[in-house]
Protein backbone atom coordinates (compact mmCIF):
# COMPACT_ATOMS: atom_id res chain seq x y z
CA MET A 1 0.00 0.00 0.00
CA ALA A 2 1.36 3.44 -0.97
CA LYS A 3 2.81 5.52 1.87
CA ASP A 4 1.82 9.15 2.22
CA ILE A 5 4.87 11.48 2.38
CA THR A 6 5.62 15.08 1.51
CA LEU A 7 7.46 16.13 -1.66
CA TYR A 8 10.34 17.36 0.49
CA GLU A 9 10.57 13.94 2.15
CA LEU A 10 10.54 12.23 -1.27
CA ASN A 11 13.27 14.46 -2.62
CA ASN A 12 15.33 13.93 0.53
CA MET A 13 14.99 10.18 0.05
CA ALA A 14 16.10 10.55 -3.59
CA SER A 15 19.04 12.67 -2.48
CA VAL A 16 20.13 10.07 0.04
CA ALA A 17 19.63 7.24 -2.46
CA ILE A 18 21.61 8.94 -5.19
CA GLY A 19 24.33 9.94 -2.72
CA SER A 20 24.60 6.31 -1.56
CA ALA A 21 24.49 4.89 -5.09
CA LEU A 22 26.95 7.38 -6.58
CA PRO A 23 29.31 8.37 -3.76
CA ASP A 24 32.43 8.87 -5.88
CA LYS A 25 33.67 11.55 -8.24
CA TYR A 26 33.48 10.77 -11.96
CA ARG A 27 35.33 12.06 -15.04
CA VAL A 28 32.69 12.96 -17.59
CA ALA A 29 33.23 14.05 -21.23
CA ALA A 30 30.58 16.47 -22.48
CA GLU A 31 29.97 19.62 -24.47
CA ILE A 32 29.08 22.92 -22.83
CA SER A 33 25.78 24.10 -24.33
CA GLU A 34 25.21 27.00 -21.91
CA LEU A 35 27.46 28.91 -19.48
CA ARG A 36 26.88 31.91 -17.23
CA GLU A 37 28.48 33.49 -14.20
CA ASN A 38 26.56 35.25 -11.45
CA SER A 39 27.59 38.20 -9.33
CA SER A 40 28.80 35.90 -6.55
CA GLY A 41 31.38 34.32 -8.84
CA HIS A 42 29.62 30.99 -9.25
CA CYS A 43 29.55 29.38 -12.75
CA TYR A 44 26.42 27.59 -13.98
CA MET A 45 26.62 25.34 -17.04
CA GLU A 46 24.47 22.96 -19.00
CA LEU A 47 26.36 19.93 -20.26
CA VAL A 48 25.11 17.85 -23.19
CA GLN A 49 26.15 14.76 -25.11
CA LYS A 50 25.32 14.43 -28.81
CA ASP A 51 25.25 11.42 -31.13
CA GLU A 52 26.94 11.22 -34.53
CA GLN A 53 23.99 12.98 -36.14
CA GLY A 54 24.33 15.91 -33.73
CA ARG A 55 21.21 15.06 -31.73
CA THR A 56 21.29 15.61 -27.97
CA VAL A 57 21.05 12.27 -26.17
CA ALA A 58 21.88 13.41 -22.61
CA LYS A 59 21.74 16.64 -20.63
CA ALA A 60 22.69 17.74 -17.13
CA ARG A 61 22.97 20.93 -15.10
CA ALA A 62 26.45 21.56 -13.64
CA ASN A 63 27.82 24.05 -11.14
CA ILE A 64 31.31 25.31 -10.36
CA TRP A 65 31.25 27.08 -7.03
CA ALA A 66 33.09 30.38 -6.81
CA ALA A 67 36.05 29.17 -4.76
CA THR A 68 36.75 26.37 -7.26
CA TYR A 69 35.92 28.49 -10.30
CA ARG A 70 38.48 31.16 -9.31
CA LYS A 71 41.19 28.47 -9.59
CA LEU A 72 39.91 26.44 -12.55
CA ARG A 73 39.16 29.25 -14.99
CA PRO A 74 42.64 30.91 -15.17
CA PHE A 75 44.36 27.52 -15.29
CA PHE A 76 42.12 26.35 -18.15
CA GLU A 77 42.57 29.59 -20.10
CA TYR A 78 46.33 29.57 -19.64
CA SER A 79 46.60 25.90 -20.68
CA THR A 80 44.30 26.03 -23.70
CA GLY A 81 44.57 29.68 -24.74
CA MET A 82 40.77 29.91 -24.76
CA THR A 83 37.98 30.81 -22.36
CA LEU A 84 35.35 28.46 -21.02
CA LYS A 85 32.29 29.01 -23.18
CA ALA A 86 29.42 27.30 -24.93
CA GLY A 87 30.34 25.08 -27.87
CA ILE A 88 33.58 23.54 -26.57
CA LYS A 89 34.10 19.99 -25.33
CA VAL A 90 35.44 19.43 -21.85
CA LEU A 91 36.45 16.57 -19.57
CA VAL A 92 35.19 17.47 -16.09
CA CYS A 93 35.57 15.76 -12.74
CA VAL A 94 32.12 15.85 -11.10
CA LYS A 95 30.19 14.65 -8.12
CA VAL A 96 26.51 13.80 -8.53
CA ALA A 97 24.08 15.65 -6.27
CA PHE A 98 20.33 15.76 -5.84
CA ASP A 99 19.04 18.77 -3.97
CA PRO A 100 15.46 18.66 -2.68
CA LEU A 101 14.89 22.15 -4.13
CA TYR A 102 17.10 22.26 -7.23
CA HIS A 103 16.93 18.56 -8.09
CA TYR A 104 19.62 16.66 -10.04
CA SER A 105 22.88 18.47 -10.79
CA LEU A 106 26.61 17.94 -11.09
CA THR A 107 29.21 19.75 -9.05
CA VAL A 108 32.43 20.33 -11.01
CA TRP A 109 35.65 19.91 -9.06
CA ASP A 110 38.18 19.93 -11.90
CA ILE A 111 38.55 20.35 -15.69
CA ASP A 112 41.20 18.65 -17.82
CA PRO A 113 42.48 21.20 -20.38
CA ALA A 114 44.39 18.50 -22.31
CA TYR A 115 41.09 16.94 -23.40
CA THR A 116 39.81 20.22 -24.85
CA ILE A 117 43.13 20.85 -26.61
CA GLY A 118 43.00 17.33 -28.05
CA ASP A 119 39.45 17.80 -29.30
CA MET A 120 40.40 21.07 -31.03
CA ALA A 121 43.42 19.39 -32.63
CA MET A 122 41.31 16.42 -33.71
CA ARG A 123 38.71 18.68 -35.30
CA ARG A 124 41.48 20.58 -37.12
CA THR A 125 43.01 17.30 -38.31
CA MET A 126 39.65 16.09 -39.64
CA ILE A 127 39.15 19.31 -41.62
CA LEU A 128 42.64 19.06 -43.11
CA LYS A 129 42.03 15.42 -44.00
CA GLN A 130 38.77 16.33 -45.75
CA LEU A 131 40.48 19.09 -47.73
CA GLN A 132 43.25 16.63 -48.65
CA GLU A 133 40.74 14.03 -49.84
CA GLU A 134 38.92 16.65 -51.91
CA GLY A 135 42.24 17.55 -53.56
CA VAL A 136 42.05 21.29 -52.77
CA ILE A 137 44.37 21.70 -49.78
CA ASP A 138 47.33 22.90 -51.89
CA ASP A 139 45.42 24.79 -54.61
CA ASN A 140 46.15 28.27 -53.26
CA LYS A 141 49.75 27.37 -52.39
CA LEU A 142 50.34 26.47 -56.05
CA LEU A 143 49.35 29.94 -57.27
CA GLU A 144 52.32 32.12 -58.19
CA LEU A 145 52.49 35.36 -56.24
CA THR A 146 53.43 38.26 -58.48
CA PRO A 147 57.07 39.39 -57.94
CA ILE A 148 56.04 42.83 -56.68
CA PRO A 149 52.50 42.63 -55.20
CA GLN A 150 51.29 46.22 -54.81
CA ARG A 151 47.51 46.02 -55.31
CA ILE A 152 46.39 44.37 -52.07
CA ALA A 153 42.84 43.37 -51.03
CA VAL A 154 42.82 43.43 -47.21
CA ILE A 155 40.24 41.51 -45.14
CA SER A 156 40.14 42.88 -41.61
CA SER A 157 38.10 44.79 -39.09
CA ALA A 158 38.32 48.49 -39.89
CA THR A 159 38.96 49.38 -36.25
CA ALA A 160 41.52 46.66 -35.51
CA ALA A 161 44.91 47.85 -34.32
CA GLY A 162 46.52 45.15 -36.48
CA TYR A 163 44.99 46.68 -39.62
CA GLY A 164 46.32 50.11 -38.69
CA ASP A 165 49.79 48.69 -37.98
CA PHE A 166 49.73 46.85 -41.33
CA CYS A 167 48.85 49.98 -43.34
CA ASP A 168 51.34 52.11 -41.40
CA GLN A 169 54.12 49.58 -41.99
CA LEU A 170 53.45 49.57 -45.75
CA LYS A 171 53.22 53.35 -45.97
CA ARG A 172 56.39 54.07 -43.99
CA ASN A 173 58.67 51.43 -45.52
CA SER A 174 62.26 52.67 -45.71
CA LYS A 175 62.61 51.89 -49.42
CA GLY A 176 59.74 54.13 -50.42
CA TYR A 177 57.85 51.36 -52.25
CA ILE A 178 54.25 52.25 -53.02
CA PHE A 179 51.43 49.84 -52.11
CA TYR A 180 47.70 50.16 -52.71
CA PRO A 181 45.78 48.38 -49.91
CA VAL A 182 41.97 48.30 -50.19
CA LEU A 183 40.00 47.27 -47.10
CA PHE A 184 37.14 44.73 -47.31
CA LYS A 185 35.53 44.88 -43.88
CA ALA A 186 34.74 41.64 -42.04
CA LEU A 187 34.10 40.36 -38.54
CA MET A 188 37.29 38.73 -37.26
CA GLN A 189 35.88 36.90 -34.22
CA GLY A 190 32.59 35.41 -33.10
CA GLU A 191 30.15 32.93 -34.61
CA GLN A 192 29.52 35.01 -37.77
CA SER A 193 33.17 35.77 -38.50
CA ALA A 194 33.79 32.86 -40.92
CA LYS A 195 30.72 33.80 -42.99
CA SER A 196 31.73 37.47 -42.89
CA ILE A 197 35.22 36.70 -44.21
CA ILE A 198 33.74 34.49 -46.97
CA ASP A 199 31.45 37.40 -47.96
CA ALA A 200 34.52 39.65 -48.17
CA LEU A 201 36.26 37.09 -50.42
CA ASN A 202 33.20 37.08 -52.70
CA ARG A 203 33.33 40.89 -52.97
CA ILE A 204 37.01 40.70 -53.88
CA TYR A 205 36.25 38.02 -56.48
CA ASN A 206 33.81 40.41 -58.18
CA ASN A 207 36.75 42.83 -58.68
CA ILE A 208 39.51 40.25 -59.00
CA ASP A 209 41.31 41.96 -61.90
CA LEU A 210 42.10 44.94 -59.65
CA PHE A 211 44.30 43.01 -57.19
CA ASP A 212 47.54 41.04 -57.02
CA CYS A 213 46.78 39.18 -53.78
CA VAL A 214 44.50 38.93 -50.73
CA VAL A 215 45.64 39.57 -47.15
CA ILE A 216 43.66 38.28 -44.15
CA ILE A 217 44.92 39.90 -40.95
CA ARG A 218 43.94 40.03 -37.31
CA GLY A 219 45.81 41.10 -34.21
CA GLY A 220 46.57 38.79 -31.30
CA GLY A 221 43.94 37.35 -29.02
CA ALA A 222 42.80 34.29 -27.15
CA THR A 223 42.82 31.01 -29.02
CA SER A 224 39.05 30.78 -28.64
CA GLU A 225 38.71 34.01 -30.60
CA LEU A 226 40.50 32.41 -33.53
CA ASN A 227 38.14 29.45 -33.92
CA CYS A 228 36.73 30.92 -37.13
CA PHE A 229 40.08 30.28 -38.82
CA ASP A 230 39.53 26.55 -38.19
CA SER A 231 36.28 26.63 -40.19
CA TYR A 232 35.99 24.13 -43.07
CA GLU A 233 33.82 26.50 -45.13
CA LEU A 234 36.33 29.34 -44.81
CA ALA A 235 39.29 27.04 -45.45
CA VAL A 236 37.81 25.61 -48.66
CA ASN A 237 37.02 29.13 -49.93
CA VAL A 238 40.58 30.29 -49.28
CA ALA A 239 42.09 27.12 -50.75
CA GLN A 240 40.17 27.56 -54.01
CA PHE A 241 40.43 31.35 -54.26
CA PRO A 242 42.02 32.34 -57.61
CA LEU A 243 44.37 34.94 -56.05
CA PRO A 244 47.23 34.11 -53.65
CA VAL A 245 46.05 34.55 -50.03
CA ILE A 246 48.46 35.71 -47.30
CA VAL A 247 47.39 35.09 -43.70
CA GLY A 248 48.64 36.95 -40.63
CA ILE A 249 46.31 36.43 -37.67
CA GLY A 250 48.55 37.26 -34.75
CA HIS A 251 48.85 33.98 -32.88
CA GLU A 252 52.02 32.24 -31.81
CA ARG A 253 50.87 29.10 -30.04
CA ASP A 254 48.75 27.25 -32.59
CA ILE A 255 48.52 26.94 -36.34
CA THR A 256 44.99 27.15 -37.71
CA VAL A 257 43.57 25.37 -40.73
CA LEU A 258 43.77 28.66 -42.64
CA ASP A 259 47.55 28.70 -42.13
CA TYR A 260 47.78 25.31 -43.85
CA VAL A 261 45.77 26.25 -46.96
CA ALA A 262 46.90 29.85 -47.56
CA ASN A 263 49.57 30.70 -50.11
CA GLN A 264 51.68 32.32 -47.39
CA SER A 265 51.31 32.29 -43.59
CA VAL A 266 53.05 34.69 -41.20
CA LYS A 267 52.42 35.43 -37.55
CA THR A 268 51.18 39.02 -37.37
CA PRO A 269 49.72 41.81 -39.55
CA THR A 270 53.02 43.71 -39.41
CA ALA A 271 54.82 40.52 -40.43
CA VAL A 272 52.59 40.39 -43.52
CA ALA A 273 53.58 43.98 -44.34
CA GLU A 274 57.26 43.11 -43.82
CA PHE A 275 56.85 40.08 -46.09
CA LEU A 276 55.37 42.25 -48.89
CA ILE A 277 58.07 44.90 -48.47
CA SER A 278 60.81 42.26 -48.42
CA ARG A 279 59.41 40.60 -51.54
CA ALA A 280 59.23 43.94 -53.34
CA ASN A 281 62.77 44.78 -52.22
CA THR A 282 64.16 41.41 -53.31
CA ASN A 283 62.59 41.69 -56.73
CA TYR A 284 63.52 45.36 -57.18
CA GLU A 285 67.13 44.45 -56.39
CA TYR A 286 66.93 41.56 -58.81
CA LEU A 287 65.52 43.89 -61.47
CA ASN A 288 68.33 46.37 -60.81
CA GLU A 289 70.92 43.60 -61.12
CA LEU A 290 69.20 42.36 -64.24
CA SER A 291 69.09 45.89 -65.63
CA GLY A 292 72.84 46.33 -64.97
CA GLU A 293 73.59 42.98 -66.56
CA ILE A 294 71.47 43.85 -69.60
CA THR A 295 73.21 47.24 -69.87
CA GLU A 296 76.63 45.58 -69.71
CA ARG A 297 75.63 43.01 -72.29
CA ILE A 298 74.32 45.74 -74.59
CA LYS A 299 77.59 47.65 -74.25
CA ASN A 300 79.62 44.52 -75.03
CA SER A 301 77.35 43.71 -77.94
CA LEU A 302 77.66 47.26 -79.30
CA TYR A 303 81.48 47.09 -79.00
CA ASP A 304 81.61 43.72 -80.76
CA ASN A 305 79.29 44.94 -83.48
CA LYS A 306 81.38 48.08 -83.92
CA ILE A 307 84.49 45.94 -84.50
CA ARG A 308 82.57 43.80 -86.98
CA LEU A 309 81.29 46.90 -88.78
CA ASN A 310 84.82 48.29 -89.05
CA ALA A 311 86.04 45.01 -90.49
CA ILE A 312 83.12 44.94 -92.89
CA GLU A 313 83.75 48.56 -93.88
CA LEU A 314 87.38 47.73 -94.75
CA ALA A 315 86.34 44.65 -96.71
CA ILE A 316 83.56 46.35 -98.67
CA PRO A 317 85.67 47.89 -101.55
CA ALA A 318 87.43 44.60 -102.33
CA TYR A 319 84.18 42.74 -102.00
CA ILE A 320 82.40 45.18 -104.30
CA SER A 321 85.17 44.93 -106.93
CA LYS A 322 85.03 41.15 -106.87
CA ARG A 323 81.28 41.23 -106.97
CA VAL A 324 81.20 43.69 -109.87
CA GLU A 325 83.75 41.59 -111.83
CA ARG A 326 81.77 38.46 -111.10
CA GLU A 327 78.54 40.10 -112.20
CA ARG A 328 80.25 41.49 -115.33
CA MET A 329 81.39 37.97 -116.27
CA LYS A 330 77.90 36.68 -115.62
CA LEU A 331 76.44 39.44 -117.84
CA SER A 332 78.94 38.63 -120.59
CA GLN A 333 78.13 34.95 -120.41
CA PHE A 334 74.46 35.75 -120.30
CA GLY A 335 74.78 38.06 -123.35
CA ASN A 336 76.61 35.37 -125.35
CA LYS A 337 74.00 32.87 -124.31
CA ILE A 338 71.18 35.21 -125.36
CA ALA A 339 72.86 35.92 -128.76
CA SER A 340 73.28 32.19 -129.39
CA GLU A 341 69.71 31.47 -128.39
CA VAL A 342 68.42 34.36 -130.56
CA ASN A 343 70.39 33.09 -133.62
CA THR A 344 69.08 29.61 -133.03
CA LYS A 345 65.54 30.86 -132.73
CA ILE A 346 65.90 33.07 -135.88
CA THR A 347 67.20 30.07 -137.85
CA LYS A 348 64.34 27.92 -136.61
CA ALA A 349 61.91 30.74 -137.42
CA LYS A 350 63.27 31.00 -140.99
CA ILE A 351 62.95 27.27 -141.52
CA ASN A 352 59.47 27.27 -140.06
CA SER A 353 58.57 30.29 -142.23
CA ALA A 354 59.78 28.57 -145.40
CA ILE A 355 57.90 25.41 -144.50
CA LEU A 356 54.83 27.44 -143.69
CA SER A 357 55.10 29.45 -146.96
CA THR A 358 55.28 26.27 -149.02
CA SER A 359 52.42 24.73 -147.05
CA ILE A 360 50.28 27.87 -147.48
CA LYS A 361 50.97 28.03 -151.25
CA GLU A 362 49.96 24.40 -151.65
CA ARG A 363 46.83 24.93 -149.56
CA ILE A 364 45.84 28.02 -151.61
CA GLU A 365 46.27 26.14 -154.89
CA ARG A 366 44.15 23.30 -153.56
CA VAL A 367 41.47 25.77 -152.44
CA ILE A 368 41.50 27.50 -155.88
CA GLU A 369 41.11 24.17 -157.71
CA ARG A 370 38.31 23.17 -155.37
CA GLU A 371 36.51 26.48 -155.90
CA LYS A 372 36.92 26.20 -159.70
CA SER A 373 35.27 22.80 -159.60
CA LYS A 374 32.40 24.22 -157.56
CA LEU A 375 31.94 27.11 -160.03
CA SER A 376 31.93 24.75 -163.03
CA LEU A 377 29.31 22.60 -161.30
CA ILE A 378 27.18 25.66 -160.49
CA GLU A 379 27.47 26.84 -164.12
CA ASN A 380 26.27 23.49 -165.39
CA ASN A 381 23.37 23.53 -162.94
CA ILE A 382 22.43 27.06 -164.08
CA ASN A 383 22.57 26.08 -167.72
CA LEU A 384 20.43 23.05 -167.09
CA SER A 385 17.88 25.19 -165.23
CA SER A 386 17.81 28.00 -167.87
CA PRO A 387 14.22 28.85 -169.15
CA ASP A 388 15.48 28.98 -172.71
CA ARG A 389 16.80 25.43 -172.45
CA ILE A 390 13.49 24.30 -170.88
CA LEU A 391 11.43 26.05 -173.61
CA LYS A 392 13.56 24.49 -176.35
CA ARG A 393 12.67 21.10 -174.96
CA GLY A 394 8.95 21.82 -175.82
CA TYR A 395 7.75 23.40 -172.65
CA SER A 396 5.96 26.79 -172.39
CA ILE A 397 5.39 29.33 -169.61
CA ALA A 398 2.00 30.92 -168.83
CA ILE A 399 2.36 34.54 -167.78
CA LYS A 400 -0.22 36.79 -166.14
CA ASP A 401 0.54 40.36 -165.34
CA GLY A 402 4.20 39.78 -166.06
CA ARG A 403 4.50 36.85 -163.58
CA ALA A 404 4.68 33.13 -164.26
CA ILE A 405 1.50 31.26 -163.34
CA LYS A 406 2.28 28.41 -160.98
CA SER A 407 -1.27 27.27 -160.02
CA ILE A 408 -4.69 27.17 -161.72
CA ASN A 409 -6.02 29.00 -158.73
CA GLU A 410 -4.14 32.11 -159.89
CA ILE A 411 -6.38 32.53 -163.01
CA ASN A 412 -10.11 33.00 -163.64
CA ASN A 413 -12.44 32.54 -166.64
CA ASN A 414 -11.94 35.08 -169.39
CA ASP A 415 -8.54 36.16 -168.06
CA ASN A 416 -6.09 37.15 -170.79
CA ILE A 417 -2.70 35.57 -170.41
CA ASP A 418 0.53 35.29 -172.40
CA ILE A 419 2.13 32.00 -173.32
CA MET A 420 5.89 31.99 -173.87
CA PHE A 421 7.44 29.49 -176.29
CA ALA A 422 11.04 29.00 -177.30
CA ASP A 423 10.49 30.94 -180.49
CA GLY A 424 7.92 33.58 -179.36
CA ILE A 425 4.92 34.69 -177.23
CA ALA A 426 1.18 34.14 -177.93
CA SER A 427 -1.93 35.56 -176.19
CA ALA A 428 -4.88 33.45 -174.98
CA GLU A 429 -8.21 33.77 -173.12
CA ILE A 430 -8.89 31.41 -170.25
CA LYS A 431 -11.87 29.08 -170.31
CA LYS A 432 -12.04 26.85 -167.21
CA ARG A 433 -13.71 23.52 -167.42
C-alpha cells in the first residue's frame, strides 16, 4: 500500500539514495551548451552529449562554485589559450548531487584542459584530412604570387589595431615602395566571422582583376577568438580562391587550418607587411641587377658589333670589286648565251617560215582548184535550169501580169494571159472547165 509522504521527504529520500548509489567523483566528457556566471562568482553550465547525427542524447545541469571556479578558470585559459564558453568539449571531474529544491545536478571539481586541446586538434586534423581528400588543400599554395604585389585586397576589421599597424608599416617602408591596400571589412571573431570573411572574399572576387593578392589579418587574441580560422567552409574558400592569399592572424601558439591552406602564412599583420616589403625589395634588387647585366651586355654587344662593322667597312671595296667583276662575267656569259639562243631561234623561225610558206601556197592552190570545180558545177546547174533550155525542150510558160503562173487558182475565166514558147509569145483567153 502506498505511503503518504511530503514532496520534500521524497526528494530527501532521492538525495540520500543517489548519494549512496553514486558516492564517488566521476570524469565525464561532455559539451558545454550554456554557461553563465553570477555576481557571486559561481559558474552555472548545461552539459550535453550528442550522437553522430548531432542530436542531444543526454543533458545535465552543472555548477562550479566560486572558490573552485576562481582556480579552474585561469588555469584552463592559460593551458588552452581559450575561455570556457558554450560550444567547446570538456572533460570534467564531477560529483553527482540531488538537492530537494534544485533537483539533479553535477558539481564540477576539476577540468582537464588537455582533453579540450586534443578535441580542437582532432577537429582541425579532420578538416585538413577532408580538404586533402577533396584535392584542394594545396590549390592556393600552387598559385604564383606576383614578384612585386602592390595592389592588395585586405580583409580585416576596420577598427583593428593590427589593420592600422599593417597599413602604417606599408606606408612608412624605408625603401619608399608604393602599395595600394583596399579594405574589405569583415568580422574577425565570433560565430559570424567565418561567414563574414567568406562574404569579403566574394566581394574581392567580383573585382579580382584589380588586385595582385589577398591579405587576411587580425591582431593577437585568445585562441578561442581564432576558432573561425579553423572553419571548413572558410578554409575551402581560401584554398580555391584564384588569387594568392596571405594570412597573418597574430597567434604564436597554434597553427589554424587557414595557415595550412593559404599561399603564405606569417604570424602578425606587421609581419605580412614586412613580407610584402621584403618581396618587393628582393625583386627590385633583382631587377636592378638584371638591368645592370642587360646594360653591360648591350655595351659589349655594341662594342663587338662596332668591330665587326669596321672590319666589314674595310672589306667592302674589295668585296664590291670582286662582286662587280663576277657580275660582269655573268652578264657577258648571259649576253653570249642570249645571242646564241636568238640566232638559233631566228634560224628555226626561218625554216618554219619557209615550211609554212610552201604549205600555205599548196593549200591556196588546192582551195582554188576546189573552188573552180564548184563554179563549173554551179554553171552546169544554171545552164540546165535556164528557161530557154526548158522552152527548147517543148515546154511553155504561162504569164499573167508579167509573172509566171504556178497554179490554176491564180487565173479566172476570161482572163487574158501570155504563153511563152522557145520561139515567141502568144496571147490566150482562159476558159475553165
